[in-house]
Amino acid sequence: MKRPFAATVWREGKWYVSQCLEIDVASQGETEEEALANLKEALELHFEPPQATRPPAVRMIEVEVGAT
């Protein structure tokens, strides 16, 4: 199934950066076309189902949430 996504492309130094506007995925390339092609590949990888080789470890962390 194909689905369209909106993307922006801008230049940062010698690189072009492409970013999907609907999903927090970005990529880069030496040309606008390369940046968009890399973004397309990154989005395709984003939507592939995960294939873990072993179950991930669940860890607990503590975070300060208010001033004392």
Protein backbone atom coordinates (compact mmCIF):
# COMPACT_ATOMS: atom_id res chain seq x y z
CA MET A 1 0.00 0.00 0.00
CA LYS A 2 1.35 3.43 -0.89
CA ARG A 3 0.54 6.59 1.06
CA PRO A 4 1.64 10.16 0.32
CA PHE A 5 3.51 12.20 2.92
CA ALA A 6 4.34 15.92 2.91
CA ALA A 7 8.03 16.75 3.19
CA THR A 8 10.20 19.82 3.40
CA VAL A 9 13.76 20.19 2.14
CA TRP A 10 16.26 22.86 3.13
CA ARG A 11 19.98 23.40 2.94
CA GLU A 12 22.26 23.24 5.98
CA GLY A 13 25.85 23.93 5.00
CA LYS A 14 26.76 21.54 2.19
CA TRP A 15 23.89 19.12 2.97
CA TYR A 16 20.21 19.14 2.08
CA VAL A 17 17.93 18.03 4.92
CA SER A 18 14.52 16.50 4.26
CA GLN A 19 11.86 16.05 6.91
CA CYS A 20 8.47 14.37 6.86
CA LEU A 21 5.81 16.72 8.24
CA GLU A 22 3.41 14.04 9.49
CA ILE A 23 5.92 11.69 11.15
CA ASP A 24 9.08 12.58 13.05
CA VAL A 25 11.48 11.19 10.43
CA ALA A 26 14.25 13.12 8.67
CA SER A 27 17.20 12.42 6.40
CA GLN A 28 19.87 14.23 4.39
CA GLY A 29 21.75 14.11 1.12
CA GLU A 30 24.17 16.04 -1.07
CA THR A 31 21.30 17.12 -3.38
CA GLU A 32 17.59 17.77 -2.84
CA GLU A 33 16.77 14.63 -4.84
CA GLU A 34 19.15 12.50 -2.76
CA ALA A 35 17.74 13.92 0.49
CA LEU A 36 14.19 13.06 -0.63
CA ALA A 37 15.22 9.56 -1.79
CA ASN A 38 16.91 8.98 1.59
CA LEU A 39 13.80 10.24 3.38
CA LYS A 40 11.65 7.83 1.37
CA GLU A 41 13.93 4.94 2.39
CA ALA A 42 13.88 6.08 6.04
CA LEU A 43 10.06 6.20 6.02
CA GLU A 44 9.86 2.72 4.48
CA LEU A 45 12.15 1.40 7.23
CA HIS A 46 10.09 3.25 9.85
CA PHE A 47 6.98 1.31 8.82
CA GLU A 48 8.63 -2.13 8.66
CA PRO A 49 7.57 -4.34 11.56
CA PRO A 50 10.30 -4.73 14.18
CA GLN A 51 12.23 -7.99 14.10
CA ALA A 52 13.99 -8.29 17.43
CA THR A 53 16.53 -11.06 17.84
CA ARG A 54 15.78 -11.19 21.56
CA PRO A 55 13.16 -9.50 23.74
CA PRO A 56 14.14 -5.99 24.75
CA ALA A 57 15.01 -5.40 28.40
CA VAL A 58 12.48 -3.36 30.36
CA ARG A 59 14.14 -0.87 32.68
CA MET A 60 12.81 1.51 35.28
CA ILE A 61 14.09 5.07 35.49
CA GLU A 62 13.37 7.85 37.99
CA VAL A 63 12.71 11.38 36.83
CA GLU A 64 12.32 14.56 38.91
CA VAL A 65 8.87 15.93 37.97
CA GLY A 66 8.39 18.88 40.28
CA ALA A 67 10.26 21.46 42.32
CA THR A 68 10.67 20.52 45.98
